[in-house]
């Protein structure tokens, strides 16, 4: 069986995608967090 080794371009693309995912995982909670907290506060006030 012949295994195809990934090229360096593919490796760079995967590394770029992993960095992008890491940045989004860190940034999204900071951007959405206050809005979610506000929604939960409104729900608690209604109960």
N, C-alpha and C. Protein backbone atom coordinates (compact mmCIF):
# COMPACT_ATOMS: atom_id res chain seq x y z
N UNK A 1 0.84 -1.18 0.00
CA UNK A 1 0.00 0.00 0.00
C UNK A 1 0.89 1.25 0.00
N UNK A 2 0.54 2.21 -0.81
CA UNK A 2 1.33 3.44 -0.91
C UNK A 2 0.63 4.53 -0.11
N UNK A 3 1.37 5.15 0.78
CA UNK A 3 0.83 6.24 1.58
C UNK A 3 1.26 7.56 0.97
N UNK A 4 0.32 8.46 0.83
CA UNK A 4 0.62 9.79 0.28
C UNK A 4 0.98 10.73 1.43
N UNK A 5 2.18 11.22 1.43
CA UNK A 5 2.61 12.15 2.47
C UNK A 5 2.05 13.54 2.18
N UNK A 6 1.47 14.21 3.17
CA UNK A 6 0.95 15.56 2.92
C UNK A 6 2.07 16.53 2.59
N UNK A 7 1.76 17.48 1.76
CA UNK A 7 2.76 18.46 1.37
C UNK A 7 2.91 19.51 2.46
N UNK A 8 3.95 20.30 2.36
CA UNK A 8 4.18 21.36 3.34
C UNK A 8 3.08 22.41 3.26
N UNK A 9 2.53 22.64 2.07
CA UNK A 9 1.44 23.61 1.95
C UNK A 9 0.22 23.15 2.74
N UNK A 10 -0.08 21.86 2.66
CA UNK A 10 -1.22 21.34 3.41
C UNK A 10 -0.97 21.45 4.91
N UNK A 11 0.26 21.21 5.33
CA UNK A 11 0.58 21.32 6.75
C UNK A 11 0.42 22.77 7.21
N UNK A 12 0.86 23.71 6.41
CA UNK A 12 0.72 25.12 6.76
C UNK A 12 -0.74 25.53 6.85
N UNK A 13 -1.56 25.00 5.95
CA UNK A 13 -2.98 25.31 5.97
C UNK A 13 -3.65 24.76 7.22
N UNK A 14 -3.28 23.56 7.61
CA UNK A 14 -3.83 22.96 8.83
C UNK A 14 -3.40 23.76 10.05
N UNK A 15 -2.15 24.17 10.11
CA UNK A 15 -1.67 24.97 11.24
C UNK A 15 -2.41 26.31 11.30
N UNK A 16 -2.62 26.94 10.15
CA UNK A 16 -3.34 28.21 10.11
C UNK A 16 -4.77 28.01 10.61
N UNK A 17 -5.42 26.93 10.18
CA UNK A 17 -6.79 26.67 10.61
C UNK A 17 -6.85 26.42 12.12
N UNK A 18 -5.86 25.72 12.66
CA UNK A 18 -5.86 25.47 14.11
C UNK A 18 -5.68 26.76 14.90
N UNK A 19 -4.82 27.65 14.41
CA UNK A 19 -4.64 28.95 15.09
C UNK A 19 -5.92 29.75 15.01
N UNK A 20 -6.58 29.74 13.85
CA UNK A 20 -7.83 30.48 13.69
C UNK A 20 -8.90 29.95 14.65
N UNK A 21 -9.01 28.65 14.77
CA UNK A 21 -9.99 28.05 15.69
C UNK A 21 -9.66 28.44 17.13
N UNK A 22 -8.38 28.42 17.49
CA UNK A 22 -7.99 28.78 18.86
C UNK A 22 -8.35 30.23 19.16
N UNK A 23 -8.12 31.13 18.22
CA UNK A 23 -8.46 32.54 18.42
C UNK A 23 -9.96 32.70 18.57
N UNK A 24 -10.73 31.99 17.75
CA UNK A 24 -12.19 32.09 17.85
C UNK A 24 -12.70 31.53 19.18
N UNK A 25 -12.11 30.43 19.64
CA UNK A 25 -12.53 29.83 20.91
C UNK A 25 -12.28 30.79 22.06
N UNK A 26 -11.23 31.59 21.96
CA UNK A 26 -10.93 32.55 23.02
C UNK A 26 -11.76 33.82 22.87
N UNK A 27 -11.97 34.29 21.64
CA UNK A 27 -12.63 35.58 21.41
C UNK A 27 -14.15 35.52 21.54
N UNK A 28 -14.76 34.45 21.08
CA UNK A 28 -16.23 34.39 21.05
C UNK A 28 -16.85 34.52 22.44
N UNK A 29 -16.36 33.84 23.46
CA UNK A 29 -16.97 34.03 24.79
C UNK A 29 -16.87 35.47 25.30
N UNK A 30 -15.78 36.16 24.97
CA UNK A 30 -15.66 37.54 25.40
C UNK A 30 -16.66 38.44 24.68
N UNK A 31 -16.94 38.13 23.43
CA UNK A 31 -17.87 38.95 22.66
C UNK A 31 -19.33 38.64 22.98
N UNK A 32 -19.64 37.37 23.19
CA UNK A 32 -21.02 36.95 23.40
C UNK A 32 -21.38 36.87 24.88
N UNK A 33 -20.41 36.72 25.74
CA UNK A 33 -20.65 36.54 27.17
C UNK A 33 -21.57 37.56 27.81
N UNK A 34 -21.32 38.87 27.62
CA UNK A 34 -22.21 39.85 28.25
C UNK A 34 -23.65 39.75 27.78
N UNK A 35 -23.86 39.44 26.52
CA UNK A 35 -25.23 39.32 26.00
C UNK A 35 -25.93 38.13 26.63
N UNK A 36 -25.24 37.03 26.75
CA UNK A 36 -25.83 35.83 27.36
C UNK A 36 -26.14 36.11 28.83
N UNK A 37 -25.23 36.78 29.52
CA UNK A 37 -25.48 37.13 30.91
C UNK A 37 -26.70 38.02 31.07
N UNK A 38 -26.88 38.94 30.14
CA UNK A 38 -28.04 39.84 30.18
C UNK A 38 -29.33 39.04 29.98
N UNK A 39 -29.31 38.10 29.07
CA UNK A 39 -30.50 37.27 28.82
C UNK A 39 -30.85 36.46 30.07
N UNK A 40 -29.85 35.84 30.70
CA UNK A 40 -30.11 35.06 31.91
C UNK A 40 -30.62 35.95 33.04
N UNK A 41 -30.10 37.16 33.15
CA UNK A 41 -30.58 38.09 34.18
C UNK A 41 -32.04 38.42 33.96
N UNK A 42 -32.43 38.64 32.71
CA UNK A 42 -33.83 38.94 32.41
C UNK A 42 -34.74 37.76 32.75
N UNK A 43 -34.29 36.56 32.46
CA UNK A 43 -35.07 35.36 32.76
C UNK A 43 -35.24 35.21 34.26
N UNK A 44 -34.18 35.45 35.03
CA UNK A 44 -34.25 35.32 36.48
C UNK A 44 -35.20 36.37 37.06
N UNK A 45 -35.19 37.57 36.50
CA UNK A 45 -36.09 38.62 37.01
C UNK A 45 -37.56 38.29 36.74
N UNK A 46 -37.82 37.55 35.66
CA UNK A 46 -39.19 37.19 35.34
C UNK A 46 -39.73 36.06 36.22
N UNK A 47 -38.84 35.30 36.80
CA UNK A 47 -39.27 34.14 37.60
C UNK A 47 -39.63 34.56 39.00
